[in-house]
N, C-alpha and C. Protein backbone atom coordinates (compact mmCIF):
# COMPACT_ATOMS: atom_id res chain seq x y z
N MET A 1 126.25 161.85 -36.14
CA MET A 1 125.41 162.69 -35.52
C MET A 1 126.14 163.28 -34.36
N ILE A 2 126.92 162.64 -33.54
CA ILE A 2 127.56 163.19 -32.36
C ILE A 2 128.80 164.13 -32.79
N GLU A 3 129.05 163.97 -34.11
CA GLU A 3 130.19 164.80 -34.49
C GLU A 3 129.67 166.32 -34.75
N THR A 4 128.34 166.49 -34.63
CA THR A 4 127.84 167.81 -34.80
C THR A 4 127.80 168.53 -33.37
N PHE A 5 127.86 167.73 -32.46
CA PHE A 5 127.69 168.20 -30.91
C PHE A 5 128.73 169.11 -30.68
N ASP A 6 128.42 170.20 -29.95
CA ASP A 6 129.45 171.17 -29.36
C ASP A 6 130.09 170.64 -28.21
N VAL A 7 131.47 170.38 -28.29
CA VAL A 7 132.20 169.77 -27.19
C VAL A 7 133.06 170.95 -26.53
N ARG A 8 132.99 171.54 -25.34
CA ARG A 8 133.58 172.54 -24.83
C ARG A 8 133.69 172.56 -23.32
N SER A 9 134.31 173.60 -22.76
CA SER A 9 134.42 173.84 -21.40
C SER A 9 132.90 174.21 -20.84
N GLY A 10 132.73 173.89 -19.64
CA GLY A 10 131.42 174.34 -19.06
C GLY A 10 131.45 175.83 -18.76
N THR A 11 130.29 176.53 -19.08
CA THR A 11 129.97 177.88 -18.66
C THR A 11 128.83 178.00 -17.66
N LEU A 12 128.78 179.18 -16.97
CA LEU A 12 127.84 179.34 -16.12
C LEU A 12 126.36 179.08 -16.59
N GLU A 13 126.26 179.28 -17.86
CA GLU A 13 124.83 179.18 -18.64
C GLU A 13 124.62 177.63 -18.54
N ASP A 14 125.59 176.83 -18.40
CA ASP A 14 125.47 175.25 -18.51
C ASP A 14 124.95 174.73 -17.25
N ILE A 15 124.80 175.46 -16.23
CA ILE A 15 124.49 174.96 -14.87
C ILE A 15 123.22 174.12 -14.78
N PRO A 16 122.17 174.84 -15.26
CA PRO A 16 120.79 174.04 -15.08
C PRO A 16 120.95 172.48 -15.79
N GLY A 17 121.64 172.61 -17.24
CA GLY A 17 121.64 171.37 -17.81
C GLY A 17 122.69 170.34 -17.07
N LEU A 18 123.68 170.91 -16.64
CA LEU A 18 124.57 170.06 -15.57
C LEU A 18 123.84 169.41 -14.42
N LEU A 19 123.10 170.29 -13.77
CA LEU A 19 122.32 169.85 -12.67
C LEU A 19 121.29 168.62 -13.05
N ARG A 20 120.78 168.84 -14.18
CA ARG A 20 119.68 167.93 -14.76
C ARG A 20 120.35 166.58 -14.96
N LEU A 21 121.70 166.62 -15.65
CA LEU A 21 122.11 165.41 -16.05
C LEU A 21 122.83 164.69 -14.85
N ASN A 22 123.28 165.54 -13.87
CA ASN A 22 123.83 164.91 -12.61
C ASN A 22 122.59 164.32 -11.94
N SER A 23 121.77 164.96 -11.70
CA SER A 23 120.48 164.48 -10.97
C SER A 23 120.00 163.26 -11.51
N GLY A 24 119.91 163.19 -12.89
CA GLY A 24 119.15 162.01 -13.46
C GLY A 24 119.90 160.67 -13.40
N TRP A 25 121.34 160.74 -13.16
CA TRP A 25 122.09 159.61 -12.96
C TRP A 25 122.60 159.24 -11.58
N LEU A 26 122.24 159.88 -10.47
CA LEU A 26 122.45 159.68 -9.28
C LEU A 26 121.69 158.33 -8.97
N LYS A 27 122.36 157.63 -8.15
CA LYS A 27 122.10 156.12 -7.80
C LYS A 27 120.65 156.19 -7.33
N GLN A 28 120.33 157.16 -6.39
CA GLN A 28 118.90 157.12 -5.74
C GLN A 28 117.71 157.60 -6.90
N ASN A 29 118.29 158.07 -7.93
CA ASN A 29 117.18 158.46 -8.91
C ASN A 29 117.08 157.63 -10.10
N VAL A 30 117.95 156.29 -10.21
CA VAL A 30 117.69 155.44 -11.40
C VAL A 30 116.69 154.34 -11.08
N HIS A 31 115.87 154.61 -9.87
CA HIS A 31 114.88 153.77 -9.71
C HIS A 31 115.13 152.27 -9.62
N GLY A 32 116.43 152.01 -8.94
CA GLY A 32 116.81 150.74 -8.59
C GLY A 32 117.51 149.89 -9.85
N ASP A 33 117.32 150.63 -11.18
CA ASP A 33 117.99 150.01 -12.22
C ASP A 33 119.35 150.43 -12.61
N THR A 34 120.47 149.91 -11.89
CA THR A 34 121.77 150.41 -11.93
C THR A 34 122.49 149.71 -13.12
N SER A 35 121.72 149.03 -13.89
CA SER A 35 122.59 148.30 -15.00
C SER A 35 123.10 148.99 -16.23
N LYS A 36 122.54 150.32 -16.35
CA LYS A 36 123.02 151.33 -17.31
C LYS A 36 124.07 152.35 -16.64
N GLY A 37 124.54 152.06 -15.27
CA GLY A 37 125.47 152.89 -14.72
C GLY A 37 124.77 153.89 -13.77
N PHE A 38 125.51 154.52 -13.03
CA PHE A 38 125.06 155.57 -12.07
C PHE A 38 126.22 156.53 -11.52
N VAL A 39 125.89 157.76 -11.00
CA VAL A 39 126.76 158.39 -10.30
C VAL A 39 126.45 158.55 -8.82
N SER A 40 127.44 158.48 -7.95
CA SER A 40 127.30 158.65 -6.58
C SER A 40 127.57 160.27 -6.17
N GLY A 41 128.35 160.92 -6.67
CA GLY A 41 128.54 162.47 -6.31
C GLY A 41 127.25 163.15 -6.92
N ALA A 42 126.66 163.92 -5.99
CA ALA A 42 125.56 164.93 -6.29
C ALA A 42 126.21 166.24 -6.05
N PHE A 43 126.01 167.00 -7.11
CA PHE A 43 126.60 168.36 -7.17
C PHE A 43 125.33 169.30 -7.17
N ASN A 44 125.58 170.56 -6.50
CA ASN A 44 124.52 171.61 -6.45
C ASN A 44 125.13 172.87 -7.35
N GLU A 45 124.31 173.80 -7.40
CA GLU A 45 124.70 175.11 -8.29
C GLU A 45 125.95 175.67 -7.87
N GLU A 46 126.19 175.74 -6.61
CA GLU A 46 127.59 176.31 -6.21
C GLU A 46 128.60 175.46 -6.51
N ASP A 47 128.65 174.08 -6.59
CA ASP A 47 129.61 173.19 -6.69
C ASP A 47 129.99 173.28 -8.34
N PHE A 48 129.02 173.46 -9.18
CA PHE A 48 129.08 173.47 -10.62
C PHE A 48 129.76 174.86 -10.88
N ARG A 49 129.37 175.88 -10.37
CA ARG A 49 129.89 177.25 -10.28
C ARG A 49 131.39 177.26 -10.02
N SER A 50 131.74 176.66 -8.93
CA SER A 50 133.14 176.56 -8.57
C SER A 50 134.01 175.73 -9.68
N MET A 51 133.49 174.61 -10.13
CA MET A 51 134.09 173.84 -10.91
C MET A 51 134.37 174.60 -12.47
N ILE A 52 133.19 175.22 -12.89
CA ILE A 52 133.49 176.15 -14.04
C ILE A 52 134.31 177.26 -13.83
N ASN A 53 134.29 177.90 -12.93
CA ASN A 53 135.37 178.85 -12.59
C ASN A 53 136.77 178.38 -12.48
N ASP A 54 137.16 177.02 -11.91
CA ASP A 54 138.15 176.55 -11.83
C ASP A 54 138.73 175.66 -13.19
N LYS A 55 137.81 175.82 -14.36
CA LYS A 55 138.04 175.30 -15.59
C LYS A 55 138.15 173.64 -15.36
N MET A 56 137.34 173.11 -14.66
CA MET A 56 137.35 171.65 -14.42
C MET A 56 136.26 170.89 -15.00
N ILE A 57 135.41 171.49 -16.00
CA ILE A 57 134.39 170.73 -16.75
C ILE A 57 134.51 170.78 -18.14
N SER A 58 134.46 169.55 -18.68
CA SER A 58 134.08 169.48 -20.33
C SER A 58 132.83 168.87 -20.36
N LEU A 59 132.06 169.44 -21.47
CA LEU A 59 130.90 168.89 -21.72
C LEU A 59 130.45 168.81 -23.25
N ALA A 60 129.56 168.06 -23.55
CA ALA A 60 128.89 168.10 -25.03
C ALA A 60 127.49 168.47 -24.94
N HIS A 61 127.15 169.22 -25.94
CA HIS A 61 125.77 169.86 -26.06
C HIS A 61 125.16 169.37 -27.32
N ASP A 62 123.80 168.98 -27.30
CA ASP A 62 122.97 168.56 -28.35
C ASP A 62 121.92 169.88 -28.49
N GLY A 63 122.13 170.85 -29.27
CA GLY A 63 121.25 171.87 -29.11
C GLY A 63 121.46 172.62 -28.01
N ASP A 64 120.45 172.80 -27.20
CA ASP A 64 120.58 173.42 -25.83
C ASP A 64 120.73 172.41 -24.63
N THR A 65 120.95 171.20 -24.96
CA THR A 65 120.78 170.13 -23.94
C THR A 65 122.19 169.64 -23.73
N VAL A 66 122.56 169.72 -22.49
CA VAL A 66 123.91 169.13 -22.03
C VAL A 66 123.69 167.54 -21.95
N VAL A 67 124.39 166.77 -22.93
CA VAL A 67 124.33 165.43 -22.77
C VAL A 67 125.31 164.66 -22.41
N SER A 68 126.34 165.22 -22.14
CA SER A 68 127.49 164.46 -21.27
C SER A 68 128.40 165.49 -20.78
N TYR A 69 129.09 165.09 -19.69
CA TYR A 69 130.16 165.77 -19.08
C TYR A 69 131.18 165.14 -18.48
N MET A 70 132.31 165.54 -18.22
CA MET A 70 133.48 165.01 -17.53
C MET A 70 134.10 166.13 -16.68
N LEU A 71 134.08 165.88 -15.38
CA LEU A 71 134.32 167.02 -14.41
C LEU A 71 135.24 166.45 -13.31
N SER A 72 136.01 167.41 -12.78
CA SER A 72 136.88 167.21 -11.45
C SER A 72 136.45 168.18 -10.25
N MET A 73 136.06 167.57 -9.22
CA MET A 73 135.78 168.34 -8.09
C MET A 73 136.91 168.40 -7.12
N ASN A 74 138.06 168.69 -7.95
CA ASN A 74 139.59 168.67 -7.25
C ASN A 74 139.44 169.58 -5.96
N ASN A 75 138.99 170.74 -6.02
CA ASN A 75 139.14 171.64 -4.90
C ASN A 75 138.11 171.65 -3.82
N SER A 76 137.37 170.55 -3.60
CA SER A 76 136.41 170.37 -2.78
C SER A 76 136.96 169.75 -1.45
N SER A 77 136.40 170.07 -0.28
CA SER A 77 136.94 169.43 0.96
C SER A 77 135.84 168.42 1.46
N SER A 78 134.85 167.90 0.69
CA SER A 78 133.89 166.95 0.91
C SER A 78 134.69 165.48 1.55
N ASP A 79 133.86 164.80 2.26
CA ASP A 79 134.42 163.54 2.92
C ASP A 79 135.03 162.54 1.92
N ILE A 80 134.23 162.43 0.83
CA ILE A 80 134.55 161.32 -0.31
C ILE A 80 135.64 161.76 -1.00
N LEU A 81 135.79 163.18 -1.10
CA LEU A 81 137.13 163.58 -1.81
C LEU A 81 138.34 163.45 -0.82
N MET A 82 138.14 163.52 0.52
CA MET A 82 139.42 163.25 1.34
C MET A 82 139.70 161.84 1.19
N ASP A 83 138.93 160.86 0.93
CA ASP A 83 139.34 159.49 0.64
C ASP A 83 140.21 159.54 -0.71
N HIS A 84 139.52 160.24 -1.65
CA HIS A 84 140.34 160.42 -2.84
C HIS A 84 141.74 160.89 -2.74
N ALA A 85 141.88 162.15 -2.05
CA ALA A 85 143.10 162.71 -1.65
C ALA A 85 144.02 161.75 -0.94
N ASN A 86 143.64 161.02 -0.14
CA ASN A 86 144.51 160.04 0.64
C ASN A 86 144.93 158.83 -0.10
N LYS A 87 144.24 158.37 -0.97
CA LYS A 87 144.57 157.26 -1.98
C LYS A 87 145.71 157.84 -2.91
N ALA A 88 145.40 159.21 -3.47
CA ALA A 88 146.26 159.80 -4.37
C ALA A 88 147.60 159.95 -3.74
N LYS A 89 147.73 160.30 -2.47
CA LYS A 89 148.78 160.49 -1.58
C LYS A 89 149.48 159.08 -1.55
N GLN A 90 148.63 158.11 -1.26
CA GLN A 90 149.28 156.72 -1.12
C GLN A 90 149.87 156.20 -2.27
N ILE A 91 149.22 156.41 -3.64
CA ILE A 91 149.93 155.81 -4.69
C ILE A 91 151.04 156.77 -5.17
N ARG A 92 151.28 158.07 -4.64
CA ARG A 92 152.53 158.65 -5.00
C ARG A 92 153.65 158.00 -4.15
N GLU A 93 153.08 157.89 -2.76
CA GLU A 93 154.19 157.13 -1.91
C GLU A 93 154.56 155.61 -1.96
N ASP A 94 153.70 154.88 -2.70
CA ASP A 94 154.00 153.55 -2.86
C ASP A 94 154.68 153.26 -4.10
N GLY A 95 154.72 154.43 -5.13
CA GLY A 95 155.61 154.44 -6.33
C GLY A 95 154.50 153.90 -7.41
N THR A 96 153.23 153.87 -7.34
CA THR A 96 152.29 153.59 -8.36
C THR A 96 152.63 154.52 -9.26
N VAL A 97 152.68 155.81 -8.96
CA VAL A 97 153.04 157.06 -9.81
C VAL A 97 154.10 157.70 -9.14
N ALA A 98 154.74 158.55 -10.02
CA ALA A 98 155.89 159.28 -9.68
C ALA A 98 155.49 160.19 -8.44
N PRO A 99 156.49 160.38 -7.54
CA PRO A 99 156.05 161.15 -6.17
C PRO A 99 155.64 162.64 -6.48
N GLU A 100 156.14 163.29 -7.55
CA GLU A 100 155.90 164.59 -7.99
C GLU A 100 154.54 164.61 -8.94
N SER A 101 153.78 163.55 -9.10
CA SER A 101 152.69 163.45 -9.80
C SER A 101 151.52 164.42 -9.45
N ARG A 102 150.98 165.15 -10.23
CA ARG A 102 149.75 166.04 -9.94
C ARG A 102 148.56 165.18 -10.39
N ILE A 103 147.72 164.94 -9.41
CA ILE A 103 146.65 164.05 -9.61
C ILE A 103 145.17 164.83 -9.39
N ALA A 104 144.56 165.19 -10.50
CA ALA A 104 143.10 165.67 -10.45
C ALA A 104 142.12 164.53 -9.66
N ILE A 105 141.55 164.84 -8.63
CA ILE A 105 140.72 164.02 -7.79
C ILE A 105 139.17 164.43 -8.06
N GLY A 106 138.36 163.30 -7.63
CA GLY A 106 136.93 163.67 -7.84
C GLY A 106 136.36 163.67 -9.13
N VAL A 107 136.98 163.01 -10.19
CA VAL A 107 136.56 162.84 -11.62
C VAL A 107 135.29 162.19 -11.59
N GLN A 108 134.24 162.59 -12.23
CA GLN A 108 132.88 161.94 -12.60
C GLN A 108 132.52 162.16 -14.18
N THR A 109 131.91 161.42 -14.70
CA THR A 109 131.42 161.31 -16.12
C THR A 109 130.10 160.88 -15.98
N ALA A 110 129.35 161.65 -16.87
CA ALA A 110 127.93 161.31 -17.07
C ALA A 110 127.59 161.39 -18.58
N VAL A 111 126.80 160.64 -19.11
CA VAL A 111 126.54 160.69 -20.61
C VAL A 111 125.07 160.24 -20.69
N ASP A 112 124.27 161.17 -21.27
CA ASP A 112 122.73 160.90 -21.42
C ASP A 112 122.65 159.53 -22.21
N GLU A 113 121.53 158.66 -21.67
CA GLU A 113 121.55 157.33 -22.07
C GLU A 113 121.37 157.26 -23.62
N ARG A 114 120.82 158.16 -24.34
CA ARG A 114 120.59 157.97 -25.73
C ARG A 114 121.88 157.93 -26.13
N PHE A 115 122.89 158.43 -25.76
CA PHE A 115 124.45 158.37 -26.46
C PHE A 115 125.28 157.45 -25.69
N HIS A 116 124.80 156.46 -24.86
CA HIS A 116 125.71 155.39 -24.35
C HIS A 116 126.20 154.49 -25.78
N GLY A 117 127.49 154.22 -25.52
CA GLY A 117 128.09 153.47 -26.80
C GLY A 117 128.08 154.21 -28.14
N SER A 118 128.14 155.64 -28.23
CA SER A 118 128.15 156.24 -29.48
C SER A 118 129.58 156.75 -29.63
N GLY A 119 130.39 156.61 -28.55
CA GLY A 119 131.77 157.39 -28.73
C GLY A 119 131.75 158.78 -28.17
N LEU A 120 130.66 159.57 -27.98
CA LEU A 120 130.53 160.70 -27.44
C LEU A 120 131.63 160.89 -26.31
N ILE A 121 131.76 160.05 -25.40
CA ILE A 121 132.58 160.09 -24.12
C ILE A 121 133.98 160.41 -24.46
N ASN A 122 134.29 159.78 -25.61
CA ASN A 122 135.73 159.93 -26.21
C ASN A 122 135.98 161.34 -26.55
N ARG A 123 135.10 162.03 -27.19
CA ARG A 123 135.34 163.54 -27.40
C ARG A 123 135.29 164.26 -26.23
N VAL A 124 134.39 163.99 -25.30
CA VAL A 124 134.46 164.83 -24.15
C VAL A 124 135.70 164.70 -23.45
N ARG A 125 136.15 163.28 -23.33
CA ARG A 125 137.26 162.99 -22.59
C ARG A 125 138.53 163.65 -23.21
N ALA A 126 138.78 163.66 -24.53
CA ALA A 126 139.89 164.34 -25.22
C ALA A 126 139.89 165.80 -24.63
N HIS A 127 138.79 166.44 -24.74
CA HIS A 127 138.58 167.90 -24.45
C HIS A 127 139.17 168.05 -22.95
N PHE A 128 138.60 167.24 -22.09
CA PHE A 128 138.85 167.34 -20.58
C PHE A 128 140.39 167.20 -20.27
N ILE A 129 140.91 166.22 -21.00
CA ILE A 129 142.38 165.92 -20.99
C ILE A 129 143.20 167.19 -21.42
N ASP A 130 142.84 167.77 -22.60
CA ASP A 130 143.41 169.12 -23.04
C ASP A 130 143.24 170.20 -22.08
N LEU A 131 142.07 170.37 -21.42
CA LEU A 131 141.76 171.35 -20.52
C LEU A 131 142.60 171.30 -19.20
N LEU A 132 142.81 169.94 -18.82
CA LEU A 132 143.71 169.81 -17.64
C LEU A 132 145.02 169.47 -17.79
N SER A 133 145.64 169.01 -18.97
CA SER A 133 146.88 168.60 -19.24
C SER A 133 148.21 169.48 -18.71
N ASP A 134 147.96 170.68 -18.59
CA ASP A 134 148.89 171.67 -18.08
C ASP A 134 148.91 171.78 -16.74
N ARG A 135 148.01 171.10 -16.04
CA ARG A 135 147.97 171.24 -14.54
C ARG A 135 148.04 169.91 -13.92
N PHE A 136 147.71 168.75 -14.62
CA PHE A 136 147.78 167.47 -14.04
C PHE A 136 148.38 166.33 -14.79
N ASN A 137 148.89 165.49 -14.08
CA ASN A 137 149.63 164.33 -14.80
C ASN A 137 148.45 162.94 -14.98
N TYR A 138 147.70 163.09 -13.95
CA TYR A 138 146.53 161.87 -13.82
C TYR A 138 145.28 162.41 -13.37
N LEU A 139 144.29 161.66 -13.67
CA LEU A 139 142.93 161.83 -13.21
C LEU A 139 142.74 160.68 -12.20
N PHE A 140 141.90 160.85 -11.23
CA PHE A 140 141.76 159.79 -10.28
C PHE A 140 140.20 159.68 -9.82
N THR A 141 139.54 158.57 -10.04
CA THR A 141 138.05 158.39 -9.54
C THR A 141 137.84 157.00 -8.91
N THR A 142 136.80 157.14 -8.17
CA THR A 142 136.14 155.83 -7.55
C THR A 142 135.01 155.35 -8.45
N ILE A 143 134.73 154.13 -8.54
CA ILE A 143 133.74 153.42 -9.02
C ILE A 143 133.20 152.61 -8.03
N SER A 144 131.82 152.58 -7.91
CA SER A 144 131.24 151.79 -6.85
C SER A 144 131.24 150.34 -7.28
N LYS A 145 131.61 149.30 -6.53
CA LYS A 145 131.40 147.97 -7.07
C LYS A 145 130.00 147.54 -7.19
N GLN A 146 129.09 148.22 -7.03
CA GLN A 146 127.67 148.08 -7.41
C GLN A 146 127.50 148.63 -8.74
N ASN A 147 128.41 149.06 -9.57
CA ASN A 147 128.24 149.64 -10.80
C ASN A 147 129.26 149.29 -11.72
N PRO A 148 128.98 147.72 -12.22
CA PRO A 148 129.85 147.13 -13.11
C PRO A 148 129.93 147.75 -14.65
N ARG A 149 128.86 148.14 -14.96
CA ARG A 149 128.88 148.84 -16.24
C ARG A 149 129.95 150.13 -16.31
N SER A 150 129.75 150.92 -15.45
CA SER A 150 130.82 151.97 -15.34
C SER A 150 132.22 151.52 -15.31
N TYR A 151 132.59 150.65 -14.52
CA TYR A 151 133.63 150.10 -14.20
C TYR A 151 134.36 149.27 -15.60
N LYS A 152 133.49 148.58 -16.34
CA LYS A 152 133.81 147.97 -17.38
C LYS A 152 134.22 149.08 -18.44
N SER A 153 133.37 150.09 -18.65
CA SER A 153 133.57 150.95 -19.45
C SER A 153 134.92 151.76 -19.31
N ALA A 154 135.05 152.24 -17.89
CA ALA A 154 136.49 152.88 -17.60
C ALA A 154 137.61 152.05 -17.94
N THR A 155 137.59 150.98 -17.55
CA THR A 155 138.78 150.12 -17.81
C THR A 155 138.99 149.82 -19.45
N LYS A 156 137.90 149.68 -20.05
CA LYS A 156 137.89 149.54 -21.54
C LYS A 156 138.85 150.79 -22.28
N TYR A 157 138.44 151.85 -21.67
CA TYR A 157 139.00 153.10 -22.03
C TYR A 157 140.22 153.66 -21.64
N GLY A 158 140.99 153.01 -20.79
CA GLY A 158 142.26 153.02 -20.40
C GLY A 158 142.43 153.47 -18.93
N TRP A 159 141.36 153.47 -18.18
CA TRP A 159 141.49 153.59 -16.72
C TRP A 159 142.05 152.54 -16.08
N ILE A 160 143.16 152.64 -15.03
CA ILE A 160 143.78 151.56 -14.48
C ILE A 160 143.27 151.45 -13.01
N THR A 161 143.08 150.34 -12.64
CA THR A 161 142.64 150.08 -11.17
C THR A 161 144.01 150.02 -10.35
N VAL A 162 143.93 150.97 -9.24
CA VAL A 162 145.11 151.05 -8.41
C VAL A 162 144.93 150.49 -7.06
N GLY A 163 143.59 149.97 -6.83
CA GLY A 163 143.21 149.71 -5.61
C GLY A 163 141.78 149.52 -5.40
N ASP A 164 141.22 148.83 -4.16
CA ASP A 164 139.83 148.82 -3.91
C ASP A 164 139.63 148.80 -2.43
N ASN A 165 138.43 148.84 -2.09
CA ASN A 165 138.01 148.56 -0.63
C ASN A 165 136.69 147.72 -0.80
N ASP A 166 136.00 147.58 0.27
CA ASP A 166 134.76 146.91 0.24
C ASP A 166 133.72 147.38 -0.73
N HIS A 167 133.75 148.83 -1.00
CA HIS A 167 132.67 149.41 -1.58
C HIS A 167 133.11 149.95 -3.03
N HIS A 168 134.34 150.38 -3.11
CA HIS A 168 134.75 151.04 -4.50
C HIS A 168 136.04 150.54 -5.04
N TYR A 169 136.33 150.71 -6.40
CA TYR A 169 137.62 150.56 -6.92
C TYR A 169 138.04 151.94 -7.08
N TYR A 170 139.41 152.00 -7.09
CA TYR A 170 140.25 153.27 -7.08
C TYR A 170 140.75 153.19 -8.59
N LEU A 171 140.64 154.30 -9.31
CA LEU A 171 141.31 154.13 -10.63
C LEU A 171 141.85 155.46 -11.13
N ILE A 172 142.93 155.32 -11.88
CA ILE A 172 143.82 156.65 -12.51
C ILE A 172 143.70 156.33 -13.97
N TYR A 173 143.92 157.65 -14.50
CA TYR A 173 144.12 157.81 -15.97
C TYR A 173 145.21 158.84 -16.32
N LYS A 174 146.21 158.29 -17.02
CA LYS A 174 147.37 159.14 -17.44
C LYS A 174 146.85 160.20 -18.58
N VAL A 175 147.24 161.26 -18.09
CA VAL A 175 146.65 162.68 -18.95
C VAL A 175 147.67 162.64 -20.09
């Protein structure tokens, strides 16, 4: 079934569907049930417009519905991304990755609950890596320590933990 889904780069027409999927998985909107995962980063229409223009979103469609996405908010100056940028700088300096490595920060993934465990995210991730591979060597994300499902999934699919703090794990993925 998921083989028939359209996996491609995001377009401006996808913004309503991206907003819906992002909003539905925000921690404050999962009604206390974090067992299926959640996202911490809330994006608005302008954020999605910017990421689409920067070619930083891959997504999957089931008909007219966005059912999965993987994105990088690499060009934002929000506080959380400053933490990402500082950690990316640190792992270059401490030799975790080569000093010249280009790291896409602010990576977030969301999948419609109906397709959890279906392998859909593998198709979206493959497209995302292809989309970014000429610009970046690594992807960087944080996952809340209150989100064990997302952490388990990320590490299962090749994300490597490069540190943590009281609230988050820091992870990278080789492109």
